[in-house]
Amino acid sequence: MTAGPPGIAAPGWRYALAFAVYGYQGLVAGFALTALPNHYAAHGAPIAEIGWYTALLGLPWMVQPLWGPMVDRLGDFRMGRRRFWVVLAMAGALASLGLLLLLAGMAEPAPLPLIGQVMLVHGACASLLDTALDAMMIDRVPVAKLGRVNACTRAGFVSGTALGAILFAWLLPQSGLGTAAAVLLALGAGAAALPLLVRESGEDAWLSLRRRDRAPGAARPAGHAALLLAALRERGSLALIAYCVAQEFAGAMVGLRLSVAMVQGGGWTAPALSQLQGAATFVAGTAGALSVGWWADRAGPRRVLAILLGLCAAAHLAMAAVLHGTGGEAGGAGAAALVVLNTGLPALSFVALAPAVMDVSRGSAAATRFALFMAALNSGGVLGAMVAGRLGTAVSLPVIALAAGAIFAACAVLARSPLLFRRVASERSRGA
């Protein structure tokens, strides 16, 4: 009996696929969001130009839910319902990186606004890649294995981001944009081998633009707007969206205020704080994520989520008490412990939240549903930072930490609610 082609049904292949694709996403993030802005800042680029560039890169992720209906509606390709979009998005992302080689030949350093436009195109392809791969995992990975797959995506992204930031921070000043772009393109091409190799099922074509024949009498798929509206109107969807916003909002609100307090009044330097935050993120996103993913598959993601959010609540309530005792000052080793807790615990909670949300999203419109929930998480982080900035020093840091602890406590209680994490009745009846 001969072995079939590499498929996502095999645990080793799906873990490798998840790690490789998200590792590539992380490499680009380390290059584009850390190394490149720092490089141009060293060349005297004005803060307004760097800020515009950074904001431009975030735009595709704000509109990511618009990809979901397309991935759900147009999935009858012979190379796999989701894999077609994964391969197409990866090809588009790599092609856009190739444009950096052309910009590097124009001038050194190349104009940052032009680089921003190229990376905007890359971001559009990357957000499609993210949407399609998540949908493939929801469709094809058993519920009891989703925790480990999500841990691999997190570990890949965090590892790639760290490597990208370090590698390109050295390569850009040493060899310039052209060499850095060539190295990034080569690494991306290596990562693209996994989507090309790993198929959704053994019957899928390796590479084909042809579509499958539609079954006689099959209904035409709903339109883009109809799918989005249907996902929003499903029972419990708005509540789960609000839940995702609240969870990310609480951590981001405290994180920004704590960072500012440590640098401006706690005796910490910006580089030292950045290194501490980076180390905490790396440990939580690699060893921590893999451990939580395994635990979530064993005990159930909602149970693990409730425990981790309970720890988040306890940590932030303790933070409020400690900061109240110091008069709101955040300095020394105590502040370092607060940063580790504020950075690490919410990141670990996400690893348990993602498989729970994936299970809710299962069905014919999985890409649309899951993209909405992930957009809610991103929006919660942005909203938390905005609120912290608007409040300024009008509300003390202990009060903000207390509010965050209360939000995390409420989220911990709701994590076990069957009304919050429920699949659509029509999908349950089909056994989706």
Protein backbone atom coordinates (compact mmCIF):
# COMPACT_ATOMS: atom_id res chain seq x y z
CA MET A 1 0.00 0.00 0.00
CA THR A 2 1.51 3.32 -1.05
CA ALA A 3 1.31 6.40 1.12
CA GLY A 4 -0.79 9.27 -0.18
CA PRO A 5 0.34 12.87 -0.59
CA PRO A 6 1.07 14.98 2.52
CA GLY A 7 -2.27 16.00 4.01
CA ILE A 8 -3.60 18.14 6.82
CA ALA A 9 -5.14 15.03 8.39
CA ALA A 10 -1.63 13.98 9.48
CA PRO A 11 -0.71 15.79 12.75
CA GLY A 12 2.92 16.35 11.79
CA TRP A 13 2.06 17.96 8.47
CA ARG A 14 -0.63 20.25 9.89
CA TYR A 15 1.65 21.43 12.71
CA ALA A 16 4.44 22.08 10.20
CA LEU A 17 2.04 23.96 7.91
CA ALA A 18 0.71 26.14 10.75
CA PHE A 19 4.20 26.92 12.09
CA ALA A 20 5.67 27.67 8.65
CA VAL A 21 2.92 30.01 7.43
CA TYR A 22 2.67 31.93 10.68
CA GLY A 23 6.44 31.94 11.01
CA TYR A 24 6.53 33.70 7.63
CA GLN A 25 3.90 36.18 8.82
CA GLY A 26 6.05 36.85 11.88
CA LEU A 27 9.21 37.35 9.80
CA VAL A 28 7.47 40.03 7.77
CA ALA A 29 6.12 41.66 10.94
CA GLY A 30 9.59 41.78 12.47
CA PHE A 31 10.97 43.28 9.26
CA ALA A 32 8.19 45.75 8.50
CA LEU A 33 7.02 46.83 11.95
CA THR A 34 10.25 46.77 13.96
CA ALA A 35 13.45 46.74 11.91
CA LEU A 36 12.32 48.99 9.05
CA PRO A 37 10.82 51.84 11.15
CA ASN A 38 13.89 51.85 13.40
CA HIS A 39 16.16 51.89 10.35
CA TYR A 40 14.39 54.90 8.86
CA ALA A 41 14.28 56.66 12.22
CA ALA A 42 18.08 56.34 12.32
CA HIS A 43 18.19 57.97 8.87
CA GLY A 44 16.22 60.95 10.17
CA ALA A 45 12.75 60.13 8.85
CA PRO A 46 10.16 62.38 10.55
CA ILE A 47 7.86 60.81 13.11
CA ALA A 48 4.79 61.74 11.05
CA GLU A 49 6.11 59.74 8.08
CA ILE A 50 6.92 56.71 10.23
CA GLY A 51 3.52 56.95 11.93
CA TRP A 52 1.72 57.10 8.58
CA TYR A 53 3.69 54.09 7.37
CA THR A 54 2.82 52.06 10.49
CA ALA A 55 -0.87 52.97 10.29
CA LEU A 56 -0.95 51.99 6.61
CA LEU A 57 0.32 48.51 7.44
CA GLY A 58 -2.51 47.96 9.91
CA LEU A 59 -5.26 48.87 7.45
CA PRO A 60 -5.65 45.43 5.74
CA TRP A 61 -6.17 43.76 9.10
CA MET A 62 -8.97 46.14 10.02
CA VAL A 63 -10.95 45.07 6.95
CA GLN A 64 -9.94 41.39 7.12
CA PRO A 65 -13.56 40.20 7.68
CA LEU A 66 -14.31 41.23 4.09
CA TRP A 67 -12.20 38.28 2.90
CA GLY A 68 -14.31 35.77 4.83
CA PRO A 69 -17.37 35.70 2.53
CA MET A 70 -15.15 35.35 -0.55
CA VAL A 71 -13.30 32.38 0.93
CA ASP A 72 -16.61 30.80 1.96
CA ARG A 73 -18.51 31.46 -1.28
CA LEU A 74 -15.85 30.68 -3.87
CA GLY A 75 -14.32 27.49 -2.59
CA ASP A 76 -15.18 24.85 -5.18
CA PHE A 77 -11.64 24.53 -6.57
CA ARG A 78 -10.09 21.18 -7.40
CA MET A 79 -6.98 21.92 -5.36
CA GLY A 80 -9.04 22.32 -2.17
CA ARG A 81 -11.78 24.58 -0.88
CA ARG A 82 -9.45 26.65 1.33
CA ARG A 83 -6.03 25.63 0.01
CA PHE A 84 -6.62 27.44 -3.31
CA TRP A 85 -6.88 30.74 -1.42
CA VAL A 86 -3.91 29.91 0.82
CA VAL A 87 -1.64 29.28 -2.18
CA LEU A 88 -2.98 32.28 -4.12
CA ALA A 89 -2.51 34.61 -1.14
CA MET A 90 1.01 33.30 -0.49
CA ALA A 91 1.94 33.86 -4.15
CA GLY A 92 0.57 37.41 -4.03
CA ALA A 93 2.42 38.15 -0.80
CA LEU A 94 5.75 36.95 -2.22
CA ALA A 95 5.18 38.86 -5.47
CA SER A 96 4.62 42.07 -3.50
CA LEU A 97 7.86 41.51 -1.60
CA GLY A 98 9.59 41.25 -4.97
CA LEU A 99 8.57 44.88 -5.59
CA LEU A 100 10.87 45.88 -2.72
CA LEU A 101 13.80 44.79 -4.88
CA LEU A 102 12.70 47.31 -7.52
CA LEU A 103 12.38 50.07 -4.92
CA ALA A 104 15.82 49.28 -3.56
CA GLY A 105 17.26 49.95 -7.02
CA MET A 106 15.75 53.45 -7.12
CA ALA A 107 17.55 54.97 -4.16
CA GLU A 108 19.10 54.06 -0.83
CA PRO A 109 17.25 54.45 1.37
CA ALA A 110 14.14 53.98 -0.75
CA PRO A 111 11.25 56.38 -0.04
CA LEU A 112 9.34 55.12 3.00
CA PRO A 113 5.90 56.11 1.60
CA LEU A 114 6.51 53.88 -1.44
CA ILE A 115 7.61 51.02 0.79
CA GLY A 116 4.41 51.55 2.77
CA GLN A 117 2.30 51.17 -0.36
CA VAL A 118 4.09 47.93 -1.26
CA MET A 119 3.61 46.58 2.25
CA LEU A 120 -0.06 47.60 2.10
CA VAL A 121 -0.48 45.25 -0.87
CA HIS A 122 1.43 42.58 1.02
CA GLY A 123 -0.84 43.09 4.03
CA ALA A 124 -3.93 42.56 1.89
CA CYS A 125 -2.51 39.24 0.67
CA ALA A 126 -1.37 38.28 4.17
CA SER A 127 -4.80 38.92 5.69
CA LEU A 128 -6.36 36.72 2.98
CA LEU A 129 -3.75 34.05 3.76
CA ASP A 130 -4.62 34.26 7.45
CA THR A 131 -8.36 34.01 6.78
CA ALA A 132 -8.05 31.03 4.43
CA LEU A 133 -5.62 29.05 6.60
CA ASP A 134 -7.74 29.56 9.72
CA ALA A 135 -10.79 28.33 7.78
CA MET A 136 -8.86 25.28 6.59
CA MET A 137 -7.93 24.43 10.18
CA ILE A 138 -11.54 24.87 11.33
CA ASP A 139 -12.79 22.60 8.54
CA ARG A 140 -10.18 19.86 8.73
CA VAL A 141 -8.73 19.66 12.26
CA PRO A 142 -10.65 17.66 14.90
CA VAL A 143 -11.99 19.77 17.77
CA ALA A 144 -9.81 17.90 20.27
CA LYS A 145 -6.66 18.91 18.33
CA LEU A 146 -7.37 22.62 17.75
CA GLY A 147 -5.46 23.72 20.85
CA ARG A 148 -2.14 22.35 19.64
CA VAL A 149 -2.64 23.74 16.14
CA ASN A 150 -3.31 27.21 17.54
CA ALA A 151 -0.26 26.87 19.77
CA CYS A 152 1.83 26.16 16.66
CA THR A 153 0.46 29.24 14.91
CA ARG A 154 1.28 31.39 17.93
CA ALA A 155 4.74 29.89 18.38
CA GLY A 156 5.48 30.33 14.67
CA PHE A 157 4.40 33.96 14.62
CA VAL A 158 6.26 34.93 17.79
CA SER A 159 9.44 33.10 16.73
CA GLY A 160 9.28 34.64 13.26
CA THR A 161 8.74 38.12 14.67
CA ALA A 162 11.72 37.81 16.99
CA LEU A 163 13.95 36.42 14.23
CA GLY A 164 12.78 39.05 11.74
CA ALA A 165 13.39 41.94 14.13
CA ILE A 166 16.89 40.74 15.04
CA LEU A 167 18.00 39.60 11.57
CA PHE A 168 16.80 42.62 9.63
CA ALA A 169 17.85 45.14 12.29
CA TRP A 170 21.39 43.93 11.54
CA LEU A 171 20.99 43.39 7.79
CA LEU A 172 19.38 46.73 6.82
CA PRO A 173 22.22 49.01 7.97
CA GLN A 174 24.89 46.52 6.87
CA SER A 175 23.65 45.65 3.37
CA GLY A 176 20.63 47.84 2.59
CA LEU A 177 17.03 47.24 1.62
CA GLY A 178 17.81 45.20 -1.51
CA THR A 179 19.70 42.47 0.34
CA ALA A 180 17.20 42.45 3.20
CA ALA A 181 14.29 42.09 0.77
CA ALA A 182 16.08 39.28 -1.09
CA VAL A 183 16.67 37.37 2.16
CA LEU A 184 13.04 37.89 3.23
CA LEU A 185 11.82 36.72 -0.17
CA ALA A 186 14.00 33.60 -0.01
CA LEU A 187 12.76 32.71 3.48
CA GLY A 188 9.18 33.31 2.36
CA ALA A 189 9.63 31.05 -0.65
CA GLY A 190 10.84 28.31 1.69
CA ALA A 191 7.75 28.72 3.86
CA ALA A 192 5.55 28.56 0.74
CA ALA A 193 6.66 24.97 0.14
CA LEU A 194 4.33 23.76 2.90
CA PRO A 195 1.06 25.12 1.41
CA LEU A 196 2.14 23.67 -1.93
CA LEU A 197 2.81 20.24 -0.43
CA VAL A 198 0.11 19.79 2.20
CA ARG A 199 -3.36 19.12 0.77
CA GLU A 200 -6.76 19.33 2.39
CA SER A 201 -7.67 15.82 1.24
CA GLY A 202 -6.08 13.06 -0.80
CA GLU A 203 -8.46 13.68 -3.72
CA ASP A 204 -7.40 17.31 -4.19
CA ALA A 205 -5.28 18.31 -7.17
CA TRP A 206 -1.73 19.41 -6.37
CA LEU A 207 -2.07 22.61 -8.40
CA SER A 208 -5.09 23.56 -10.48
CA LEU A 209 -7.13 26.66 -11.27
CA ARG A 210 -10.11 24.59 -12.37
CA ARG A 211 -13.27 24.40 -10.29
CA ARG A 212 -15.23 21.31 -9.36
CA ASP A 213 -18.48 20.53 -11.14
CA ARG A 214 -21.47 21.80 -9.19
CA ALA A 215 -23.88 19.09 -8.08
CA PRO A 216 -27.24 19.12 -9.89
CA GLY A 217 -29.76 21.27 -8.04
CA ALA A 218 -27.12 22.77 -5.72
CA ALA A 219 -28.09 26.18 -4.39
CA ARG A 220 -26.03 29.17 -5.39
CA PRO A 221 -23.96 30.56 -2.50
CA ALA A 222 -25.21 33.68 -0.75
CA GLY A 223 -23.66 37.05 -1.58
CA HIS A 224 -20.82 38.68 0.37
CA ALA A 225 -23.03 41.14 2.24
CA ALA A 226 -25.62 38.47 2.98
CA LEU A 227 -23.00 36.19 4.54
CA LEU A 228 -21.59 38.97 6.72
CA LEU A 229 -25.04 40.05 7.89
CA ALA A 230 -26.07 36.45 8.56
CA ALA A 231 -22.94 35.89 10.66
CA LEU A 232 -23.66 39.02 12.69
CA ARG A 233 -27.31 38.10 13.20
CA GLU A 234 -26.66 34.56 14.40
CA ARG A 235 -27.75 34.00 17.97
CA GLY A 236 -24.90 34.76 20.32
CA SER A 237 -22.59 36.28 17.69
CA LEU A 238 -22.77 39.86 18.95
CA ALA A 239 -22.31 38.67 22.54
CA LEU A 240 -19.18 36.70 21.59
CA ILE A 241 -17.85 39.66 19.58
CA ALA A 242 -18.32 41.88 22.65
CA TYR A 243 -16.60 39.20 24.76
CA CYS A 244 -13.56 39.18 22.45
CA VAL A 245 -13.40 42.99 22.48
CA ALA A 246 -13.60 43.11 26.29
CA GLN A 247 -10.87 40.53 26.84
CA GLU A 248 -8.33 42.30 24.62
CA PHE A 249 -9.46 45.76 25.77
CA ALA A 250 -8.64 45.06 29.43
CA GLY A 251 -5.07 43.95 28.83
CA ALA A 252 -4.26 46.71 26.34
CA MET A 253 -5.67 49.46 28.56
CA VAL A 254 -3.42 48.49 31.48
CA GLY A 255 -0.41 47.67 29.30
CA LEU A 256 -0.12 51.14 27.80
CA ARG A 257 -0.57 53.00 31.09
CA LEU A 258 1.87 50.71 32.90
CA SER A 259 4.54 51.15 30.21
CA VAL A 260 4.27 54.95 30.28
CA ALA A 261 4.38 55.00 34.09
CA MET A 262 7.50 52.83 34.18
CA VAL A 263 9.41 54.96 31.66
CA GLN A 264 8.28 58.40 32.80
CA GLY A 265 8.26 57.88 36.56
CA GLY A 266 9.58 54.44 37.41
CA GLY A 267 13.20 54.79 36.37
CA TRP A 268 13.00 52.36 33.45
CA THR A 269 14.61 53.13 30.09
CA ALA A 270 12.67 52.49 26.90
CA PRO A 271 15.17 49.86 25.60
CA ALA A 272 15.12 47.97 28.91
CA LEU A 273 11.33 47.93 28.98
CA SER A 274 11.15 46.83 25.34
CA GLN A 275 13.55 43.97 26.03
CA LEU A 276 11.50 42.84 29.03
CA GLN A 277 8.24 42.96 27.07
CA GLY A 278 9.86 41.14 24.15
CA ALA A 279 11.22 38.39 26.40
CA ALA A 280 7.85 37.93 28.12
CA THR A 281 6.06 37.80 24.76
CA PHE A 282 8.55 35.27 23.37
CA VAL A 283 8.32 32.90 26.35
CA ALA A 284 4.52 33.14 26.49
CA GLY A 285 4.22 32.70 22.73
CA THR A 286 6.49 29.66 22.44
CA ALA A 287 6.85 27.38 25.46
CA GLY A 288 3.79 28.89 27.13
CA ALA A 289 1.59 28.61 24.04
CA LEU A 290 2.60 25.01 23.32
CA SER A 291 1.87 24.03 26.93
CA VAL A 292 -1.52 25.75 26.97
CA GLY A 293 -2.42 24.26 23.57
CA TRP A 294 -1.72 20.75 24.83
CA TRP A 295 -3.65 21.49 28.05
CA ALA A 296 -6.64 22.89 26.13
CA ASP A 297 -6.87 19.74 24.01
CA ARG A 298 -6.79 17.58 27.14
CA ALA A 299 -9.10 19.55 29.46
CA GLY A 300 -11.20 21.49 26.94
CA PRO A 301 -10.46 25.04 25.76
CA ARG A 302 -13.30 26.72 27.66
CA ARG A 303 -12.23 25.24 30.98
CA VAL A 304 -8.63 26.30 30.40
CA LEU A 305 -9.78 29.73 29.25
CA ALA A 306 -11.80 30.21 32.44
CA ILE A 307 -8.78 29.29 34.59
CA LEU A 308 -6.38 31.57 32.71
CA LEU A 309 -8.80 34.49 32.73
CA GLY A 310 -9.29 33.92 36.46
CA LEU A 311 -5.51 34.20 36.86
CA CYS A 312 -5.58 37.38 34.75
CA ALA A 313 -8.24 38.80 37.07
CA ALA A 314 -6.28 37.88 40.20
CA ALA A 315 -3.05 39.31 38.75
CA HIS A 316 -4.62 42.65 37.81
CA LEU A 317 -6.48 42.98 41.11
CA ALA A 318 -3.20 42.29 42.93
CA MET A 319 -1.55 44.83 40.62
CA ALA A 320 -4.13 47.43 41.67
CA ALA A 321 -3.41 46.74 45.35
CA VAL A 322 0.37 46.93 44.91
CA LEU A 323 0.20 50.15 42.89
CA HIS A 324 -2.21 51.68 45.41
CA GLY A 325 0.33 50.93 48.13
CA THR A 326 3.12 52.67 46.18
CA GLY A 327 1.01 55.70 45.32
CA GLY A 328 0.77 54.65 41.68
CA GLU A 329 4.55 54.53 41.14
CA ALA A 330 5.77 51.65 38.95
CA GLY A 331 9.46 51.00 39.41
CA GLY A 332 12.00 48.33 40.25
CA ALA A 333 11.58 44.57 40.18
CA GLY A 334 7.95 44.81 41.25
CA ALA A 335 7.09 46.70 38.08
CA ALA A 336 8.94 44.09 36.03
CA ALA A 337 6.74 41.38 37.54
CA LEU A 338 3.64 43.41 36.69
CA VAL A 339 4.76 43.71 33.05
CA VAL A 340 5.36 39.97 32.80
CA LEU A 341 1.89 39.24 34.20
CA ASN A 342 0.16 41.83 31.99
CA THR A 343 1.99 40.60 28.89
CA GLY A 344 2.07 36.86 29.44
CA LEU A 345 -1.28 35.86 30.93
CA PRO A 346 -3.53 37.53 28.30
CA ALA A 347 -1.34 36.04 25.56
CA LEU A 348 -1.80 32.56 27.03
CA SER A 349 -5.55 33.17 27.32
CA PHE A 350 -5.70 33.76 23.57
CA VAL A 351 -4.30 30.28 22.92
CA ALA A 352 -7.27 28.82 24.81
CA LEU A 353 -9.80 31.28 23.36
CA ALA A 354 -8.93 30.59 19.71
CA PRO A 355 -9.93 26.88 19.62
CA ALA A 356 -13.17 27.66 21.50
CA VAL A 357 -14.05 30.31 18.92
CA MET A 358 -13.00 28.00 16.08
CA ASP A 359 -15.43 25.36 17.31
CA VAL A 360 -18.23 27.95 17.38
CA SER A 361 -17.29 29.04 13.85
CA ARG A 362 -17.49 25.58 12.26
CA GLY A 363 -19.76 25.21 9.24
CA SER A 364 -20.16 26.43 5.70
CA ALA A 365 -19.41 30.07 6.67
CA ALA A 366 -16.46 29.34 8.97
CA ALA A 367 -14.12 31.89 7.37
CA THR A 368 -16.69 34.68 7.72
CA ARG A 369 -17.49 33.91 11.35
CA PHE A 370 -13.94 33.42 12.58
CA ALA A 371 -12.64 36.53 10.81
CA LEU A 372 -15.31 38.60 12.58
CA PHE A 373 -14.25 37.30 15.98
CA MET A 374 -10.54 37.88 15.29
CA ALA A 375 -11.29 41.40 14.07
CA ALA A 376 -13.10 41.95 17.38
CA LEU A 377 -9.94 40.98 19.26
CA ASN A 378 -7.84 43.39 17.19
CA SER A 379 -10.40 46.15 17.73
CA GLY A 380 -10.37 45.52 21.48
CA GLY A 381 -6.62 46.06 21.62
CA VAL A 382 -6.85 49.29 19.65
CA LEU A 383 -9.78 50.51 21.76
CA GLY A 384 -7.95 49.74 25.01
CA ALA A 385 -4.91 51.75 23.93
CA MET A 386 -7.14 54.62 22.78
CA VAL A 387 -9.04 54.75 26.08
CA ALA A 388 -5.82 54.64 28.09
CA GLY A 389 -4.45 57.51 26.01
CA ARG A 390 -7.62 59.58 26.34
CA LEU A 391 -7.80 59.09 30.10
CA GLY A 392 -4.20 60.19 30.50
CA THR A 393 -3.49 60.78 34.18
CA ALA A 394 -7.09 61.76 34.99
CA VAL A 395 -7.69 58.20 36.22
CA SER A 396 -4.97 56.61 38.33
CA LEU A 397 -3.18 53.44 37.27
CA PRO A 398 -4.46 51.44 40.30
CA VAL A 399 -8.06 52.27 39.31
CA ILE A 400 -7.41 51.19 35.71
CA ALA A 401 -5.84 47.92 36.91
CA LEU A 402 -8.86 47.38 39.18
CA ALA A 403 -11.25 47.89 36.25
CA ALA A 404 -9.24 45.47 34.11
CA GLY A 405 -9.32 42.88 36.88
CA ALA A 406 -13.10 43.18 37.07
CA ILE A 407 -13.42 42.74 33.29
CA PHE A 408 -11.18 39.66 33.34
CA ALA A 409 -13.18 38.21 36.25
CA ALA A 410 -16.44 38.65 34.32
CA CYS A 411 -14.86 37.04 31.24
CA ALA A 412 -13.66 34.10 33.36
CA VAL A 413 -17.21 33.45 34.59
CA LEU A 414 -18.69 33.78 31.10
CA ALA A 415 -16.09 31.41 29.60
CA ARG A 416 -18.06 28.44 30.96
CA SER A 417 -21.41 29.74 29.72
CA PRO A 418 -23.02 27.48 27.08
CA LEU A 419 -25.00 30.47 25.82
CA LEU A 420 -21.86 32.36 24.80
CA PHE A 421 -19.97 29.59 23.00
CA ARG A 422 -22.75 28.03 20.95
CA ARG A 423 -22.78 26.95 17.33
CA VAL A 424 -25.52 27.89 14.92
CA ALA A 425 -28.50 25.53 15.08
CA SER A 426 -28.50 24.93 11.32
CA GLU A 427 -24.83 23.92 11.41
CA ARG A 428 -25.36 21.59 14.39
CA SER A 429 -28.21 19.87 12.61
CA ARG A 430 -25.96 19.16 9.63
CA GLY A 431 -23.24 17.84 11.93
CA ALA A 432 -20.85 20.50 10.66
